[in-house]
Amino acid sequence: MTIEQKIEVVSIEISKNGIVHVVTEESFMVNKVVKSKTQNRQGFVPGDDVSAQPQNVQAICNVAWTSEVIAAYKNNIGV
């Protein structure tokens, strides 16, 4: 019996204030048959450390989070 776990990014969205929302799907398979699936949603605000995230999430954050976006986000929340 072979048990596998697979986690993949299924959606990346950027809100107008620069927050990046990432939806991942985690699948558990036994002998290549999916036994369960769950979705998780996580948000990252401009300037967050995303170095532990998948490469595609990092790339989108690096493009979306210009210094202007990070400053505007911090100014709007009073950081």
N, C-alpha and C. Protein backbone atom coordinates (compact mmCIF):
# COMPACT_ATOMS: atom_id res chain seq x y z
N MET A 1 0.84 -1.17 0.00
CA MET A 1 0.00 0.00 0.00
C MET A 1 0.89 1.24 0.00
N THR A 2 0.62 2.14 -0.94
CA THR A 2 1.38 3.38 -1.08
C THR A 2 0.51 4.56 -0.66
N ILE A 3 0.99 5.33 0.31
CA ILE A 3 0.27 6.52 0.77
C ILE A 3 1.07 7.74 0.33
N GLU A 4 0.38 8.68 -0.32
CA GLU A 4 1.03 9.90 -0.82
C GLU A 4 0.26 11.13 -0.34
N GLN A 5 1.00 12.20 -0.15
CA GLN A 5 0.41 13.50 0.16
C GLN A 5 0.85 14.47 -0.93
N LYS A 6 -0.09 15.26 -1.41
CA LYS A 6 0.22 16.24 -2.45
C LYS A 6 -0.39 17.57 -2.05
N ILE A 7 0.42 18.62 -2.08
CA ILE A 7 -0.06 19.97 -1.79
C ILE A 7 0.23 20.84 -3.00
N GLU A 8 -0.80 21.49 -3.52
CA GLU A 8 -0.58 22.36 -4.67
C GLU A 8 -1.36 23.66 -4.53
N VAL A 9 -0.80 24.70 -5.08
CA VAL A 9 -1.45 26.01 -5.10
C VAL A 9 -2.51 25.97 -6.20
N VAL A 10 -3.76 26.27 -5.83
CA VAL A 10 -4.82 26.24 -6.83
C VAL A 10 -5.32 27.63 -7.20
N SER A 11 -4.99 28.64 -6.36
CA SER A 11 -5.46 29.99 -6.66
C SER A 11 -4.58 31.01 -5.95
N ILE A 12 -4.27 32.08 -6.66
CA ILE A 12 -3.56 33.22 -6.08
C ILE A 12 -4.30 34.47 -6.52
N GLU A 13 -4.72 35.27 -5.54
CA GLU A 13 -5.45 36.50 -5.83
C GLU A 13 -4.77 37.67 -5.12
N ILE A 14 -4.83 38.82 -5.73
CA ILE A 14 -4.26 40.02 -5.12
C ILE A 14 -5.40 41.02 -4.93
N SER A 15 -5.60 41.45 -3.69
CA SER A 15 -6.65 42.44 -3.43
C SER A 15 -6.13 43.83 -3.76
N LYS A 16 -7.03 44.80 -3.80
CA LYS A 16 -6.63 46.15 -4.21
C LYS A 16 -5.65 46.81 -3.24
N ASN A 17 -5.60 46.34 -1.98
CA ASN A 17 -4.65 46.90 -1.03
C ASN A 17 -3.33 46.12 -0.98
N GLY A 18 -3.17 45.16 -1.89
CA GLY A 18 -1.92 44.43 -2.02
C GLY A 18 -1.84 43.12 -1.27
N ILE A 19 -2.88 42.76 -0.54
CA ILE A 19 -2.86 41.48 0.17
C ILE A 19 -2.96 40.36 -0.85
N VAL A 20 -2.08 39.37 -0.71
CA VAL A 20 -2.06 38.22 -1.61
C VAL A 20 -2.73 37.04 -0.89
N HIS A 21 -3.80 36.54 -1.49
CA HIS A 21 -4.54 35.40 -0.94
C HIS A 21 -4.16 34.15 -1.73
N VAL A 22 -3.76 33.11 -1.01
CA VAL A 22 -3.32 31.88 -1.65
C VAL A 22 -4.21 30.73 -1.17
N VAL A 23 -4.75 29.98 -2.12
CA VAL A 23 -5.54 28.80 -1.79
C VAL A 23 -4.73 27.59 -2.21
N THR A 24 -4.53 26.68 -1.25
CA THR A 24 -3.83 25.43 -1.54
C THR A 24 -4.79 24.27 -1.34
N GLU A 25 -4.51 23.19 -2.04
CA GLU A 25 -5.30 21.98 -1.91
C GLU A 25 -4.38 20.85 -1.49
N GLU A 26 -4.75 20.17 -0.43
CA GLU A 26 -3.96 19.05 0.07
C GLU A 26 -4.74 17.77 -0.18
N SER A 27 -4.10 16.83 -0.87
CA SER A 27 -4.73 15.55 -1.19
C SER A 27 -3.95 14.42 -0.55
N PHE A 28 -4.68 13.45 -0.02
CA PHE A 28 -4.07 12.21 0.46
C PHE A 28 -4.55 11.08 -0.42
N MET A 29 -3.59 10.31 -0.93
CA MET A 29 -3.91 9.23 -1.84
C MET A 29 -3.39 7.90 -1.30
N VAL A 30 -4.17 6.86 -1.50
CA VAL A 30 -3.75 5.51 -1.17
C VAL A 30 -3.78 4.73 -2.48
N ASN A 31 -2.62 4.20 -2.85
CA ASN A 31 -2.49 3.48 -4.13
C ASN A 31 -3.01 4.30 -5.30
N LYS A 32 -2.67 5.60 -5.28
CA LYS A 32 -3.00 6.56 -6.33
C LYS A 32 -4.49 6.90 -6.41
N VAL A 33 -5.27 6.51 -5.41
CA VAL A 33 -6.68 6.86 -5.34
C VAL A 33 -6.85 7.92 -4.26
N VAL A 34 -7.45 9.06 -4.63
CA VAL A 34 -7.63 10.15 -3.68
C VAL A 34 -8.63 9.73 -2.61
N LYS A 35 -8.18 9.83 -1.36
CA LYS A 35 -9.03 9.47 -0.22
C LYS A 35 -9.58 10.69 0.49
N SER A 36 -8.85 11.80 0.44
CA SER A 36 -9.37 13.03 1.04
C SER A 36 -8.70 14.23 0.39
N LYS A 37 -9.45 15.34 0.41
CA LYS A 37 -8.95 16.62 -0.11
C LYS A 37 -9.42 17.70 0.82
N THR A 38 -8.53 18.64 1.10
CA THR A 38 -8.91 19.81 1.89
C THR A 38 -8.30 21.03 1.23
N GLN A 39 -8.99 22.15 1.36
CA GLN A 39 -8.46 23.42 0.86
C GLN A 39 -8.15 24.32 2.04
N ASN A 40 -7.07 25.06 1.90
CA ASN A 40 -6.65 26.02 2.90
C ASN A 40 -6.44 27.36 2.23
N ARG A 41 -6.80 28.43 2.93
CA ARG A 41 -6.63 29.78 2.40
C ARG A 41 -5.73 30.53 3.36
N GLN A 42 -4.77 31.24 2.80
CA GLN A 42 -3.82 31.99 3.60
C GLN A 42 -3.60 33.35 2.96
N GLY A 43 -3.46 34.37 3.77
CA GLY A 43 -3.25 35.71 3.25
C GLY A 43 -1.89 36.25 3.68
N PHE A 44 -1.27 37.00 2.79
CA PHE A 44 0.02 37.63 3.06
C PHE A 44 -0.10 39.12 2.77
N VAL A 45 0.30 39.93 3.74
CA VAL A 45 0.21 41.39 3.55
C VAL A 45 1.51 41.89 2.95
N PRO A 46 1.46 43.02 2.25
CA PRO A 46 2.66 43.56 1.63
C PRO A 46 3.81 43.68 2.63
N GLY A 47 4.94 43.09 2.27
CA GLY A 47 6.13 43.12 3.11
C GLY A 47 6.33 41.85 3.93
N ASP A 48 5.33 40.96 3.98
CA ASP A 48 5.50 39.70 4.71
C ASP A 48 6.66 38.89 4.14
N ASP A 49 7.24 38.04 4.97
CA ASP A 49 8.27 37.10 4.53
C ASP A 49 7.57 35.90 3.89
N VAL A 50 7.74 35.73 2.60
CA VAL A 50 7.11 34.61 1.89
C VAL A 50 8.16 33.62 1.39
N SER A 51 9.35 33.66 1.97
CA SER A 51 10.44 32.81 1.50
C SER A 51 10.16 31.32 1.66
N ALA A 52 9.25 30.94 2.55
CA ALA A 52 8.93 29.53 2.74
C ALA A 52 7.78 29.07 1.83
N GLN A 53 7.24 29.99 1.04
CA GLN A 53 6.12 29.67 0.16
C GLN A 53 6.63 29.14 -1.17
N PRO A 54 5.74 28.47 -1.94
CA PRO A 54 6.15 27.98 -3.26
C PRO A 54 6.67 29.11 -4.15
N GLN A 55 7.49 28.77 -5.11
CA GLN A 55 8.14 29.74 -5.98
C GLN A 55 7.15 30.65 -6.70
N ASN A 56 6.02 30.10 -7.15
CA ASN A 56 5.06 30.94 -7.88
C ASN A 56 4.42 31.99 -6.97
N VAL A 57 4.22 31.66 -5.70
CA VAL A 57 3.68 32.64 -4.74
C VAL A 57 4.73 33.72 -4.49
N GLN A 58 5.97 33.33 -4.30
CA GLN A 58 7.05 34.30 -4.10
C GLN A 58 7.16 35.26 -5.28
N ALA A 59 7.10 34.70 -6.49
CA ALA A 59 7.25 35.52 -7.70
C ALA A 59 6.13 36.56 -7.81
N ILE A 60 4.91 36.15 -7.52
CA ILE A 60 3.79 37.09 -7.61
C ILE A 60 3.91 38.18 -6.56
N CYS A 61 4.29 37.78 -5.33
CA CYS A 61 4.48 38.78 -4.27
C CYS A 61 5.58 39.77 -4.64
N ASN A 62 6.67 39.27 -5.21
CA ASN A 62 7.78 40.15 -5.59
C ASN A 62 7.37 41.16 -6.66
N VAL A 63 6.48 40.77 -7.54
CA VAL A 63 6.01 41.69 -8.58
C VAL A 63 4.97 42.66 -8.01
N ALA A 64 4.06 42.14 -7.21
CA ALA A 64 2.95 42.96 -6.70
C ALA A 64 3.39 43.94 -5.63
N TRP A 65 4.37 43.56 -4.83
CA TRP A 65 4.75 44.37 -3.68
C TRP A 65 5.91 45.30 -4.00
N THR A 66 5.61 46.33 -4.74
CA THR A 66 6.61 47.37 -4.98
C THR A 66 6.81 48.14 -3.67
N SER A 67 7.85 48.92 -3.60
CA SER A 67 8.08 49.71 -2.38
C SER A 67 6.91 50.67 -2.13
N GLU A 68 6.28 51.15 -3.20
CA GLU A 68 5.13 52.04 -3.05
C GLU A 68 3.94 51.31 -2.45
N VAL A 69 3.70 50.07 -2.88
CA VAL A 69 2.57 49.28 -2.36
C VAL A 69 2.79 48.97 -0.88
N ILE A 70 4.01 48.59 -0.52
CA ILE A 70 4.31 48.29 0.88
C ILE A 70 4.12 49.53 1.75
N ALA A 71 4.62 50.68 1.29
CA ALA A 71 4.48 51.92 2.05
C ALA A 71 3.01 52.32 2.19
N ALA A 72 2.25 52.21 1.11
CA ALA A 72 0.82 52.57 1.16
C ALA A 72 0.08 51.66 2.12
N TYR A 73 0.39 50.38 2.11
CA TYR A 73 -0.28 49.44 3.02
C TYR A 73 0.05 49.81 4.47
N LYS A 74 1.30 50.04 4.75
CA LYS A 74 1.71 50.39 6.12
C LYS A 74 1.09 51.70 6.56
N ASN A 75 1.00 52.67 5.67
CA ASN A 75 0.39 53.97 6.02
C ASN A 75 -1.10 53.84 6.30
N ASN A 76 -1.78 52.94 5.57
CA ASN A 76 -3.22 52.78 5.76
C ASN A 76 -3.58 52.04 7.03
N ILE A 77 -2.67 51.22 7.55
CA ILE A 77 -3.00 50.50 8.79
C ILE A 77 -2.29 51.10 10.00
N GLY A 78 -1.50 52.13 9.76
CA GLY A 78 -0.87 52.83 10.87
C GLY A 78 0.34 52.13 11.47
N VAL A 79 1.05 51.36 10.67
CA VAL A 79 2.24 50.66 11.17
C VAL A 79 3.39 51.63 11.24
